[in-house]
Amino acid sequence: MKNEGIPYQAIDWALVPRTEHKGETGTSFWRTFQLPGLRIRVVEYSKGYLADHWCQKGHIVHCLDGEFVNEQENGDRTVMTDGMTYVVSDGASSHRSRAEHGATLLIIDGDFLK
């Protein structure tokens, strides 16, 4: 893939359509801004949210508000609170999110994490 660069642009998240994604329990709501090889999302987890799958995709995940737990299939758990960020490359872990009281995240993923 040839990188042509990303021109300056501001994202007004209030104008980005919100999509609903059911978890094993609870719901997540995504506002997704897609560019070639790059996806940027603001994701809201409802109270009681548990992802419906173990994910092996790479991400940069920043907790904007609330608290969630990043669970890894090997049993490791990290409590993520306001202002914390985790980073993982594609295929480097099998992980999922759980949010007892809800949370809002900024998630960035794309080709650069392969």
PDB file of N, CA and C in Angstrom:
ATOM      1  N   MET A   1       0.843  -1.176   0.000  1.00  0.00           N
ATOM      2  CA  MET A   1       0.000   0.000   0.000  1.00  0.00           C
ATOM      3  C   MET A   1       0.885   1.234   0.000  1.00  0.00           C
ATOM      4  N   LYS A   2       0.614   2.125  -0.872  1.00  0.00           N
ATOM      5  CA  LYS A   2       1.366   3.374  -0.952  1.00  0.00           C
ATOM      6  C   LYS A   2       0.741   4.411  -0.022  1.00  0.00           C
ATOM      7  N   ASN A   3       1.543   5.000   0.832  1.00  0.00           N
ATOM      8  CA  ASN A   3       1.059   6.004   1.756  1.00  0.00           C
ATOM      9  C   ASN A   3       1.070   7.366   1.065  1.00  0.00           C
ATOM     10  N   GLU A   4      -0.096   7.909   0.835  1.00  0.00           N
ATOM     11  CA  GLU A   4      -0.224   9.216   0.191  1.00  0.00           C
ATOM     12  C   GLU A   4      -0.283  10.338   1.215  1.00  0.00           C
ATOM     13  N   GLY A   5      -0.304  10.012   2.490  1.00  0.00           N
ATOM     14  CA  GLY A   5      -0.404  11.023   3.532  1.00  0.00           C
ATOM     15  C   GLY A   5      -1.858  11.359   3.818  1.00  0.00           C
ATOM     16  N   ILE A   6      -2.076  11.935   4.956  1.00  0.00           N
ATOM     17  CA  ILE A   6      -3.417  12.318   5.374  1.00  0.00           C
ATOM     18  C   ILE A   6      -3.459  13.838   5.446  1.00  0.00           C
ATOM     19  N   PRO A   7      -4.315  14.465   4.651  1.00  0.00           N
ATOM     20  CA  PRO A   7      -4.403  15.924   4.715  1.00  0.00           C
ATOM     21  C   PRO A   7      -5.026  16.356   6.036  1.00  0.00           C
ATOM     22  N   TYR A   8      -4.758  17.584   6.438  1.00  0.00           N
ATOM     23  CA  TYR A   8      -5.351  18.124   7.662  1.00  0.00           C
ATOM     24  C   TYR A   8      -6.860  18.050   7.573  1.00  0.00           C
ATOM     25  N   GLN A   9      -7.457  17.599   8.655  1.00  0.00           N
ATOM     26  CA  GLN A   9      -8.909  17.629   8.771  1.00  0.00           C
ATOM     27  C   GLN A   9      -9.295  17.544  10.232  1.00  0.00           C
ATOM     28  N   ALA A  10     -10.345  18.238  10.585  1.00  0.00           N
ATOM     29  CA  ALA A  10     -10.891  18.205  11.936  1.00  0.00           C
ATOM     30  C   ALA A  10     -12.107  17.281  11.911  1.00  0.00           C
ATOM     31  N   ILE A  11     -12.275  16.509  12.965  1.00  0.00           N
ATOM     32  CA  ILE A  11     -13.412  15.594  13.059  1.00  0.00           C
ATOM     33  C   ILE A  11     -14.379  16.128  14.102  1.00  0.00           C
ATOM     34  N   ASP A  12     -15.587  16.426  13.693  1.00  0.00           N
ATOM     35  CA  ASP A  12     -16.654  16.791  14.625  1.00  0.00           C
ATOM     36  C   ASP A  12     -17.413  15.500  14.906  1.00  0.00           C
ATOM     37  N   TRP A  13     -17.101  14.876  16.025  1.00  0.00           N
ATOM     38  CA  TRP A  13     -17.663  13.557  16.335  1.00  0.00           C
ATOM     39  C   TRP A  13     -19.182  13.588  16.423  1.00  0.00           C
ATOM     40  N   ALA A  14     -19.764  14.734  16.751  1.00  0.00           N
ATOM     41  CA  ALA A  14     -21.224  14.837  16.830  1.00  0.00           C
ATOM     42  C   ALA A  14     -21.873  14.632  15.459  1.00  0.00           C
ATOM     43  N   LEU A  15     -21.112  14.853  14.373  1.00  0.00           N
ATOM     44  CA  LEU A  15     -21.640  14.694  13.018  1.00  0.00           C
ATOM     45  C   LEU A  15     -21.390  13.305  12.437  1.00  0.00           C
ATOM     46  N   VAL A  16     -20.598  12.486  13.126  1.00  0.00           N
ATOM     47  CA  VAL A  16     -20.281  11.137  12.646  1.00  0.00           C
ATOM     48  C   VAL A  16     -21.390  10.195  13.111  1.00  0.00           C
ATOM     49  N   PRO A  17     -22.007   9.454  12.192  1.00  0.00           N
ATOM     50  CA  PRO A  17     -23.111   8.560  12.569  1.00  0.00           C
ATOM     51  C   PRO A  17     -22.689   7.550  13.647  1.00  0.00           C
ATOM     52  N   ARG A  18     -23.620   7.273  14.534  1.00  0.00           N
ATOM     53  CA  ARG A  18     -23.404   6.349  15.658  1.00  0.00           C
ATOM     54  C   ARG A  18     -24.015   5.003  15.306  1.00  0.00           C
ATOM     55  N   THR A  19     -23.217   3.942  15.410  1.00  0.00           N
ATOM     56  CA  THR A  19     -23.714   2.597  15.133  1.00  0.00           C
ATOM     57  C   THR A  19     -23.712   1.778  16.414  1.00  0.00           C
ATOM     58  N   GLU A  20     -24.629   0.838  16.507  1.00  0.00           N
ATOM     59  CA  GLU A  20     -24.805   0.018  17.699  1.00  0.00           C
ATOM     60  C   GLU A  20     -24.224  -1.376  17.475  1.00  0.00           C
ATOM     61  N   HIS A  21     -23.502  -1.873  18.488  1.00  0.00           N
ATOM     62  CA  HIS A  21     -22.881  -3.196  18.414  1.00  0.00           C
ATOM     63  C   HIS A  21     -23.150  -3.925  19.722  1.00  0.00           C
ATOM     64  N   LYS A  22     -23.931  -4.997  19.649  1.00  0.00           N
ATOM     65  CA  LYS A  22     -24.274  -5.767  20.842  1.00  0.00           C
ATOM     66  C   LYS A  22     -23.064  -6.542  21.339  1.00  0.00           C
ATOM     67  N   GLY A  23     -22.895  -6.553  22.647  1.00  0.00           N
ATOM     68  CA  GLY A  23     -21.863  -7.372  23.264  1.00  0.00           C
ATOM     69  C   GLY A  23     -22.467  -8.678  23.743  1.00  0.00           C
ATOM     70  N   GLU A  24     -21.651  -9.493  24.392  1.00  0.00           N
ATOM     71  CA  GLU A  24     -22.192 -10.682  25.054  1.00  0.00           C
ATOM     72  C   GLU A  24     -23.235 -10.214  26.065  1.00  0.00           C
ATOM     73  N   THR A  25     -22.893  -9.128  26.770  1.00  0.00           N
ATOM     74  CA  THR A  25     -23.852  -8.382  27.579  1.00  0.00           C
ATOM     75  C   THR A  25     -23.628  -6.906  27.266  1.00  0.00           C
ATOM     76  N   GLY A  26     -24.672  -6.118  27.373  1.00  0.00           N
ATOM     77  CA  GLY A  26     -24.550  -4.690  27.110  1.00  0.00           C
ATOM     78  C   GLY A  26     -24.355  -4.377  25.637  1.00  0.00           C
ATOM     79  N   THR A  27     -24.047  -3.114  25.385  1.00  0.00           N
ATOM     80  CA  THR A  27     -23.950  -2.613  24.011  1.00  0.00           C
ATOM     81  C   THR A  27     -22.795  -1.626  23.904  1.00  0.00           C
ATOM     82  N   SER A  28     -22.165  -1.600  22.748  1.00  0.00           N
ATOM     83  CA  SER A  28     -21.200  -0.538  22.461  1.00  0.00           C
ATOM     84  C   SER A  28     -21.755   0.290  21.299  1.00  0.00           C
ATOM     85  N   PHE A  29     -21.421   1.576  21.327  1.00  0.00           N
ATOM     86  CA  PHE A  29     -21.851   2.498  20.284  1.00  0.00           C
ATOM     87  C   PHE A  29     -20.601   3.116  19.687  1.00  0.00           C
ATOM     88  N   TRP A  30     -20.466   3.030  18.361  1.00  0.00           N
ATOM     89  CA  TRP A  30     -19.264   3.496  17.668  1.00  0.00           C
ATOM     90  C   TRP A  30     -19.583   4.696  16.800  1.00  0.00           C
ATOM     91  N   ARG A  31     -18.668   5.652  16.787  1.00  0.00           N
ATOM     92  CA  ARG A  31     -18.617   6.707  15.773  1.00  0.00           C
ATOM     93  C   ARG A  31     -17.280   6.489  15.073  1.00  0.00           C
ATOM     94  N   THR A  32     -17.333   6.123  13.788  1.00  0.00           N
ATOM     95  CA  THR A  32     -16.151   5.660  13.073  1.00  0.00           C
ATOM     96  C   THR A  32     -15.775   6.615  11.947  1.00  0.00           C
ATOM     97  N   PHE A  33     -14.503   7.009  11.934  1.00  0.00           N
ATOM     98  CA  PHE A  33     -13.933   7.826  10.865  1.00  0.00           C
ATOM     99  C   PHE A  33     -12.908   6.950  10.162  1.00  0.00           C
ATOM    100  N   GLN A  34     -13.164   6.620   8.894  1.00  0.00           N
ATOM    101  CA  GLN A  34     -12.338   5.669   8.161  1.00  0.00           C
ATOM    102  C   GLN A  34     -11.530   6.365   7.072  1.00  0.00           C
ATOM    103  N   LEU A  35     -10.245   6.074   7.048  1.00  0.00           N
ATOM    104  CA  LEU A  35      -9.341   6.521   5.996  1.00  0.00           C
ATOM    105  C   LEU A  35      -8.638   5.279   5.448  1.00  0.00           C
ATOM    106  N   PRO A  36      -8.003   5.346   4.292  1.00  0.00           N
ATOM    107  CA  PRO A  36      -7.279   4.171   3.794  1.00  0.00           C
ATOM    108  C   PRO A  36      -6.220   3.718   4.805  1.00  0.00           C
ATOM    109  N   GLY A  37      -6.360   2.499   5.293  1.00  0.00           N
ATOM    110  CA  GLY A  37      -5.381   1.925   6.218  1.00  0.00           C
ATOM    111  C   GLY A  37      -5.431   2.462   7.632  1.00  0.00           C
ATOM    112  N   LEU A  38      -6.453   3.260   7.966  1.00  0.00           N
ATOM    113  CA  LEU A  38      -6.550   3.859   9.295  1.00  0.00           C
ATOM    114  C   LEU A  38      -8.020   4.010   9.685  1.00  0.00           C
ATOM    115  N   ARG A  39      -8.346   3.529  10.891  1.00  0.00           N
ATOM    116  CA  ARG A  39      -9.700   3.688  11.424  1.00  0.00           C
ATOM    117  C   ARG A  39      -9.583   4.366  12.791  1.00  0.00           C
ATOM    118  N   ILE A  40     -10.375   5.417  12.997  1.00  0.00           N
ATOM    119  CA  ILE A  40     -10.407   6.143  14.261  1.00  0.00           C
ATOM    120  C   ILE A  40     -11.851   6.088  14.758  1.00  0.00           C
ATOM    121  N   ARG A  41     -12.019   5.678  16.019  1.00  0.00           N
ATOM    122  CA  ARG A  41     -13.377   5.547  16.565  1.00  0.00           C
ATOM    123  C   ARG A  41     -13.480   6.165  17.955  1.00  0.00           C
ATOM    124  N   VAL A  42     -14.631   6.750  18.231  1.00  0.00           N
ATOM    125  CA  VAL A  42     -15.021   7.028  19.607  1.00  0.00           C
ATOM    126  C   VAL A  42     -16.056   5.956  19.931  1.00  0.00           C
ATOM    127  N   VAL A  43     -15.771   5.184  20.976  1.00  0.00           N
ATOM    128  CA  VAL A  43     -16.605   4.036  21.337  1.00  0.00           C
ATOM    129  C   VAL A  43     -17.119   4.232  22.755  1.00  0.00           C
ATOM    130  N   GLU A  44     -18.425   4.073  22.913  1.00  0.00           N
ATOM    131  CA  GLU A  44     -19.050   4.142  24.232  1.00  0.00           C
ATOM    132  C   GLU A  44     -19.500   2.739  24.622  1.00  0.00           C
ATOM    133  N   TYR A  45     -19.120   2.315  25.831  1.00  0.00           N
ATOM    134  CA  TYR A  45     -19.593   1.044  26.384  1.00  0.00           C
ATOM    135  C   TYR A  45     -20.715   1.335  27.368  1.00  0.00           C
ATOM    136  N   SER A  46     -21.801   0.609  27.253  1.00  0.00           N
ATOM    137  CA  SER A  46     -22.896   0.746  28.214  1.00  0.00           C
ATOM    138  C   SER A  46     -22.493   0.107  29.545  1.00  0.00           C
ATOM    139  N   LYS A  47     -23.269   0.374  30.560  1.00  0.00           N
ATOM    140  CA  LYS A  47     -23.081  -0.317  31.836  1.00  0.00           C
ATOM    141  C   LYS A  47     -23.265  -1.814  31.595  1.00  0.00           C
ATOM    142  N   GLY A  48     -22.418  -2.623  32.194  1.00  0.00           N
ATOM    143  CA  GLY A  48     -22.526  -4.073  32.057  1.00  0.00           C
ATOM    144  C   GLY A  48     -22.026  -4.624  30.736  1.00  0.00           C
ATOM    145  N   TYR A  49     -21.263  -3.842  29.979  1.00  0.00           N
ATOM    146  CA  TYR A  49     -20.782  -4.302  28.672  1.00  0.00           C
ATOM    147  C   TYR A  49     -19.699  -5.366  28.813  1.00  0.00           C
ATOM    148  N   LEU A  50     -19.809  -6.417  28.005  1.00  0.00           N
ATOM    149  CA  LEU A  50     -18.769  -7.432  27.830  1.00  0.00           C
ATOM    150  C   LEU A  50     -18.714  -7.750  26.346  1.00  0.00           C
ATOM    151  N   ALA A  51     -17.523  -7.607  25.746  1.00  0.00           N
ATOM    152  CA  ALA A  51     -17.357  -7.893  24.310  1.00  0.00           C
ATOM    153  C   ALA A  51     -17.798  -9.324  24.008  1.00  0.00           C
ATOM    154  N   ASP A  52     -18.318  -9.523  22.809  1.00  0.00           N
ATOM    155  CA  ASP A  52     -18.834 -10.837  22.418  1.00  0.00           C
ATOM    156  C   ASP A  52     -17.779 -11.724  21.767  1.00  0.00           C
ATOM    157  N   HIS A  53     -16.506 -11.293  21.771  1.00  0.00           N
ATOM    158  CA  HIS A  53     -15.452 -12.096  21.150  1.00  0.00           C
ATOM    159  C   HIS A  53     -14.088 -11.698  21.720  1.00  0.00           C
ATOM    160  N   TRP A  54     -13.124 -12.576  21.539  1.00  0.00           N
ATOM    161  CA  TRP A  54     -11.724 -12.269  21.842  1.00  0.00           C
ATOM    162  C   TRP A  54     -11.134 -11.677  20.585  1.00  0.00           C
ATOM    163  N   CYS A  55     -10.533 -10.504  20.686  1.00  0.00           N
ATOM    164  CA  CYS A  55     -10.003  -9.777  19.534  1.00  0.00           C
ATOM    165  C   CYS A  55      -8.491  -9.957  19.460  1.00  0.00           C
ATOM    166  N   GLN A  56      -7.970 -10.146  18.254  1.00  0.00           N
ATOM    167  CA  GLN A  56      -6.523 -10.254  18.064  1.00  0.00           C
ATOM    168  C   GLN A  56      -5.980  -9.114  17.211  1.00  0.00           C
ATOM    169  N   LYS A  57      -6.847  -8.128  16.947  1.00  0.00           N
ATOM    170  CA  LYS A  57      -6.442  -6.972  16.149  1.00  0.00           C
ATOM    171  C   LYS A  57      -5.637  -5.993  17.006  1.00  0.00           C
ATOM    172  N   GLY A  58      -4.725  -5.285  16.377  1.00  0.00           N
ATOM    173  CA  GLY A  58      -3.950  -4.267  17.076  1.00  0.00           C
ATOM    174  C   GLY A  58      -4.745  -2.986  17.243  1.00  0.00           C
ATOM    175  N   HIS A  59      -4.501  -2.287  18.346  1.00  0.00           N
ATOM    176  CA  HIS A  59      -5.205  -1.037  18.639  1.00  0.00           C
ATOM    177  C   HIS A  59      -4.313  -0.105  19.451  1.00  0.00           C
ATOM    178  N   ILE A  60      -4.642   1.163  19.407  1.00  0.00           N
ATOM    179  CA  ILE A  60      -4.259   2.124  20.417  1.00  0.00           C
ATOM    180  C   ILE A  60      -5.590   2.523  21.051  1.00  0.00           C
ATOM    181  N   VAL A  61      -5.732   2.274  22.352  1.00  0.00           N
ATOM    182  CA  VAL A  61      -6.995   2.516  23.040  1.00  0.00           C
ATOM    183  C   VAL A  61      -6.747   3.496  24.185  1.00  0.00           C
ATOM    184  N   HIS A  62      -7.449   4.624  24.148  1.00  0.00           N
ATOM    185  CA  HIS A  62      -7.313   5.657  25.179  1.00  0.00           C
ATOM    186  C   HIS A  62      -8.660   5.832  25.874  1.00  0.00           C
ATOM    187  N   CYS A  63      -8.668   5.718  27.192  1.00  0.00           N
ATOM    188  CA  CYS A  63      -9.895   5.877  27.968  1.00  0.00           C
ATOM    189  C   CYS A  63     -10.165   7.370  28.181  1.00  0.00           C
ATOM    190  N   LEU A  64     -11.235   7.857  27.570  1.00  0.00           N
ATOM    191  CA  LEU A  64     -11.622   9.257  27.692  1.00  0.00           C
ATOM    192  C   LEU A  64     -12.430   9.520  28.962  1.00  0.00           C
ATOM    193  N   ASP A  65     -13.263   8.526  29.331  1.00  0.00           N
ATOM    194  CA  ASP A  65     -14.159   8.721  30.469  1.00  0.00           C
ATOM    195  C   ASP A  65     -14.585   7.356  31.001  1.00  0.00           C
ATOM    196  N   GLY A  66     -14.710   7.250  32.306  1.00  0.00           N
ATOM    197  CA  GLY A  66     -15.176   6.016  32.913  1.00  0.00           C
ATOM    198  C   GLY A  66     -14.042   5.053  33.185  1.00  0.00           C
ATOM    199  N   GLU A  67     -14.398   3.779  33.214  1.00  0.00           N
ATOM    200  CA  GLU A  67     -13.433   2.726  33.529  1.00  0.00           C
ATOM    201  C   GLU A  67     -13.847   1.453  32.809  1.00  0.00           C
ATOM    202  N   PHE A  68     -12.875   0.737  32.293  1.00  0.00           N
ATOM    203  CA  PHE A  68     -13.138  -0.574  31.716  1.00  0.00           C
ATOM    204  C   PHE A  68     -11.965  -1.485  32.042  1.00  0.00           C
ATOM    205  N   VAL A  69     -12.181  -2.770  31.871  1.00  0.00           N
ATOM    206  CA  VAL A  69     -11.139  -3.753  32.108  1.00  0.00           C
ATOM    207  C   VAL A  69     -10.772  -4.378  30.777  1.00  0.00           C
ATOM    208  N   ASN A  70      -9.475  -4.362  30.468  1.00  0.00           N
ATOM    209  CA  ASN A  70      -8.972  -5.079  29.301  1.00  0.00           C
ATOM    210  C   ASN A  70      -8.578  -6.460  29.800  1.00  0.00           C
ATOM    211  N   GLU A  71      -9.283  -7.478  29.321  1.00  0.00           N
ATOM    212  CA  GLU A  71      -9.000  -8.861  29.699  1.00  0.00           C
ATOM    213  C   GLU A  71      -8.236  -9.517  28.572  1.00  0.00           C
ATOM    214  N   GLN A  72      -7.233 -10.313  28.928  1.00  0.00           N
ATOM    215  CA  GLN A  72      -6.525 -11.107  27.933  1.00  0.00           C
ATOM    216  C   GLN A  72      -6.882 -12.572  28.153  1.00  0.00           C
ATOM    217  N   GLU A  73      -6.923 -13.312  27.082  1.00  0.00           N
ATOM    218  CA  GLU A  73      -7.341 -14.706  27.143  1.00  0.00           C
ATOM    219  C   GLU A  73      -6.426 -15.531  28.053  1.00  0.00           C
ATOM    220  N   ASN A  74      -5.185 -15.071  28.255  1.00  0.00           N
ATOM    221  CA  ASN A  74      -4.264 -15.783  29.135  1.00  0.00           C
ATOM    222  C   ASN A  74      -4.535 -15.511  30.613  1.00  0.00           C
ATOM    223  N   GLY A  75      -5.562 -14.692  30.923  1.00  0.00           N
ATOM    224  CA  GLY A  75      -5.942 -14.415  32.302  1.00  0.00           C
ATOM    225  C   GLY A  75      -5.494 -13.063  32.825  1.00  0.00           C
ATOM    226  N   ASP A  76      -4.572 -12.393  32.143  1.00  0.00           N
ATOM    227  CA  ASP A  76      -4.140 -11.054  32.570  1.00  0.00           C
ATOM    228  C   ASP A  76      -5.303 -10.069  32.424  1.00  0.00           C
ATOM    229  N   ARG A  77      -5.363  -9.117  33.344  1.00  0.00           N
ATOM    230  CA  ARG A  77      -6.408  -8.081  33.323  1.00  0.00           C
ATOM    231  C   ARG A  77      -5.762  -6.746  33.660  1.00  0.00           C
ATOM    232  N   THR A  78      -6.181  -5.686  32.956  1.00  0.00           N
ATOM    233  CA  THR A  78      -5.705  -4.344  33.244  1.00  0.00           C
ATOM    234  C   THR A  78      -6.910  -3.432  33.398  1.00  0.00           C
ATOM    235  N   VAL A  79      -7.016  -2.772  34.545  1.00  0.00           N
ATOM    236  CA  VAL A  79      -8.075  -1.793  34.761  1.00  0.00           C
ATOM    237  C   VAL A  79      -7.625  -0.488  34.113  1.00  0.00           C
ATOM    238  N   MET A  80      -8.438   0.012  33.200  1.00  0.00           N
ATOM    239  CA  MET A  80      -8.137   1.225  32.445  1.00  0.00           C
ATOM    240  C   MET A  80      -9.084   2.328  32.910  1.00  0.00           C
ATOM    241  N   THR A  81      -8.524   3.440  33.361  1.00  0.00           N
ATOM    242  CA  THR A  81      -9.326   4.558  33.842  1.00  0.00           C
ATOM    243  C   THR A  81      -9.025   5.803  33.019  1.00  0.00           C
ATOM    244  N   ASP A  82      -9.776   6.875  33.277  1.00  0.00           N
ATOM    245  CA  ASP A  82      -9.616   8.150  32.553  1.00  0.00           C
ATOM    246  C   ASP A  82      -8.143   8.488  32.359  1.00  0.00           C
ATOM    247  N   GLY A  83      -7.761   8.738  31.111  1.00  0.00           N
ATOM    248  CA  GLY A  83      -6.402   9.179  30.816  1.00  0.00           C
ATOM    249  C   GLY A  83      -5.409   8.068  30.555  1.00  0.00           C
ATOM    250  N   MET A  84      -5.811   6.803  30.732  1.00  0.00           N
ATOM    251  CA  MET A  84      -4.896   5.682  30.470  1.00  0.00           C
ATOM    252  C   MET A  84      -5.035   5.204  29.030  1.00  0.00           C
ATOM    253  N   THR A  85      -3.928   4.678  28.499  1.00  0.00           N
ATOM    254  CA  THR A  85      -3.870   4.185  27.124  1.00  0.00           C
ATOM    255  C   THR A  85      -3.193   2.834  27.106  1.00  0.00           C
ATOM    256  N   TYR A  86      -3.697   1.919  26.249  1.00  0.00           N
ATOM    257  CA  TYR A  86      -2.928   0.707  25.970  1.00  0.00           C
ATOM    258  C   TYR A  86      -2.694   0.594  24.480  1.00  0.00           C
ATOM    259  N   VAL A  87      -1.605  -0.098  24.128  1.00  0.00           N
ATOM    260  CA  VAL A  87      -1.200  -0.294  22.738  1.00  0.00           C
ATOM    261  C   VAL A  87      -0.877  -1.761  22.547  1.00  0.00           C
ATOM    262  N   VAL A  88      -1.321  -2.336  21.416  1.00  0.00           N
ATOM    263  CA  VAL A  88      -0.991  -3.721  21.086  1.00  0.00           C
ATOM    264  C   VAL A  88      -0.998  -3.866  19.563  1.00  0.00           C
ATOM    265  N   SER A  89      -0.082  -4.657  19.040  1.00  0.00           N
ATOM    266  CA  SER A  89      -0.012  -4.930  17.600  1.00  0.00           C
ATOM    267  C   SER A  89      -0.932  -6.081  17.220  1.00  0.00           C
ATOM    268  N   ASP A  90      -1.273  -6.165  15.929  1.00  0.00           N
ATOM    269  CA  ASP A  90      -2.067  -7.280  15.417  1.00  0.00           C
ATOM    270  C   ASP A  90      -1.427  -8.598  15.835  1.00  0.00           C
ATOM    271  N   GLY A  91      -2.248  -9.505  16.353  1.00  0.00           N
ATOM    272  CA  GLY A  91      -1.797 -10.852  16.672  1.00  0.00           C
ATOM    273  C   GLY A  91      -0.938 -10.985  17.919  1.00  0.00           C
ATOM    274  N   ALA A  92      -0.700  -9.886  18.651  1.00  0.00           N
ATOM    275  CA  ALA A  92       0.186  -9.939  19.820  1.00  0.00           C
ATOM    276  C   ALA A  92      -0.537 -10.379  21.093  1.00  0.00           C
ATOM    277  N   SER A  93      -1.860 -10.330  21.108  1.00  0.00           N
ATOM    278  CA  SER A  93      -2.628 -10.813  22.253  1.00  0.00           C
ATOM    279  C   SER A  93      -4.051 -11.101  21.801  1.00  0.00           C
ATOM    280  N   SER A  94      -4.743 -11.851  22.620  1.00  0.00           N
ATOM    281  CA  SER A  94      -6.163 -12.096  22.427  1.00  0.00           C
ATOM    282  C   SER A  94      -6.853 -11.389  23.595  1.00  0.00           C
ATOM    283  N   HIS A  95      -7.608 -10.337  23.311  1.00  0.00           N
ATOM    284  CA  HIS A  95      -8.120  -9.474  24.363  1.00  0.00           C
ATOM    285  C   HIS A  95      -9.588  -9.120  24.123  1.00  0.00           C
ATOM    286  N   ARG A  96     -10.242  -8.670  25.191  1.00  0.00           N
ATOM    287  CA  ARG A  96     -11.614  -8.172  25.098  1.00  0.00           C
ATOM    288  C   ARG A  96     -11.833  -7.160  26.214  1.00  0.00           C
ATOM    289  N   SER A  97     -12.898  -6.370  26.073  1.00  0.00           N
ATOM    290  CA  SER A  97     -13.209  -5.328  27.045  1.00  0.00           C
ATOM    291  C   SER A  97     -14.439  -5.692  27.862  1.00  0.00           C
ATOM    292  N   ARG A  98     -14.418  -5.206  29.101  1.00  0.00           N
ATOM    293  CA  ARG A  98     -15.539  -5.343  30.030  1.00  0.00           C
ATOM    294  C   ARG A  98     -15.698  -3.996  30.738  1.00  0.00           C
ATOM    295  N   ALA A  99     -16.932  -3.500  30.842  1.00  0.00           N
ATOM    296  CA  ALA A  99     -17.167  -2.215  31.503  1.00  0.00           C
ATOM    297  C   ALA A  99     -18.375  -2.338  32.427  1.00  0.00           C
ATOM    298  N   GLU A 100     -18.108  -2.428  33.706  1.00  0.00           N
ATOM    299  CA  GLU A 100     -19.193  -2.577  34.681  1.00  0.00           C
ATOM    300  C   GLU A 100     -20.076  -1.337  34.737  1.00  0.00           C
ATOM    301  N   HIS A 101     -19.466  -0.153  34.717  1.00  0.00           N
ATOM    302  CA  HIS A 101     -20.219   1.088  34.868  1.00  0.00           C
ATOM    303  C   HIS A 101     -20.256   1.931  33.598  1.00  0.00           C
ATOM    304  N   GLY A 102     -19.695   1.430  32.503  1.00  0.00           N
ATOM    305  CA  GLY A 102     -19.661   2.165  31.245  1.00  0.00           C
ATOM    306  C   GLY A 102     -18.360   2.935  31.086  1.00  0.00           C
ATOM    307  N   ALA A 103     -18.035   3.262  29.847  1.00  0.00           N
ATOM    308  CA  ALA A 103     -16.798   3.985  29.538  1.00  0.00           C
ATOM    309  C   ALA A 103     -16.896   4.561  28.133  1.00  0.00           C
ATOM    310  N   THR A 104     -16.065   5.584  27.874  1.00  0.00           N
ATOM    311  CA  THR A 104     -15.934   6.149  26.534  1.00  0.00           C
ATOM    312  C   THR A 104     -14.463   6.102  26.156  1.00  0.00           C
ATOM    313  N   LEU A 105     -14.169   5.579  24.962  1.00  0.00           N
ATOM    314  CA  LEU A 105     -12.802   5.340  24.512  1.00  0.00           C
ATOM    315  C   LEU A 105     -12.550   6.006  23.173  1.00  0.00           C
ATOM    316  N   LEU A 106     -11.297   6.331  22.922  1.00  0.00           N
ATOM    317  CA  LEU A 106     -10.824   6.686  21.588  1.00  0.00           C
ATOM    318  C   LEU A 106      -9.977   5.510  21.139  1.00  0.00           C
ATOM    319  N   ILE A 107     -10.331   4.896  20.008  1.00  0.00           N
ATOM    320  CA  ILE A 107      -9.615   3.716  19.519  1.00  0.00           C
ATOM    321  C   ILE A 107      -9.091   4.001  18.126  1.00  0.00           C
ATOM    322  N   ILE A 108      -7.797   3.749  17.934  1.00  0.00           N
ATOM    323  CA  ILE A 108      -7.146   3.939  16.643  1.00  0.00           C
ATOM    324  C   ILE A 108      -6.541   2.604  16.239  1.00  0.00           C
ATOM    325  N   ASP A 109      -6.832   2.173  15.022  1.00  0.00           N
ATOM    326  CA  ASP A 109      -6.211   0.964  14.507  1.00  0.00           C
ATOM    327  C   ASP A 109      -5.987   1.111  13.016  1.00  0.00           C
ATOM    328  N   GLY A 110      -5.124   0.270  12.498  1.00  0.00           N
ATOM    329  CA  GLY A 110      -4.828   0.358  11.076  1.00  0.00           C
ATOM    330  C   GLY A 110      -3.613  -0.434  10.696  1.00  0.00           C
ATOM    331  N   ASP A 111      -3.222  -0.258   9.447  1.00  0.00           N
ATOM    332  CA  ASP A 111      -2.134  -1.026   8.857  1.00  0.00           C
ATOM    333  C   ASP A 111      -0.813  -0.866   9.597  1.00  0.00           C
ATOM    334  N   PHE A 112      -0.586   0.258  10.254  1.00  0.00           N
ATOM    335  CA  PHE A 112       0.679   0.503  10.942  1.00  0.00           C
ATOM    336  C   PHE A 112       0.888  -0.398  12.157  1.00  0.00           C
ATOM    337  N   LEU A 113      -0.154  -1.119  12.580  1.00  0.00           N
ATOM    338  CA  LEU A 113      -0.046  -2.004  13.740  1.00  0.00           C
ATOM    339  C   LEU A 113       0.198  -3.468  13.354  1.00  0.00           C
ATOM    340  N   LYS A 114       0.413  -3.729  12.079  1.00  0.00           N
ATOM    341  CA  LYS A 114       0.675  -5.114  11.633  1.00  0.00           C
ATOM    342  C   LYS A 114       2.063  -5.534  11.998  1.00  0.00           C
TER     343      LYS A 114
END
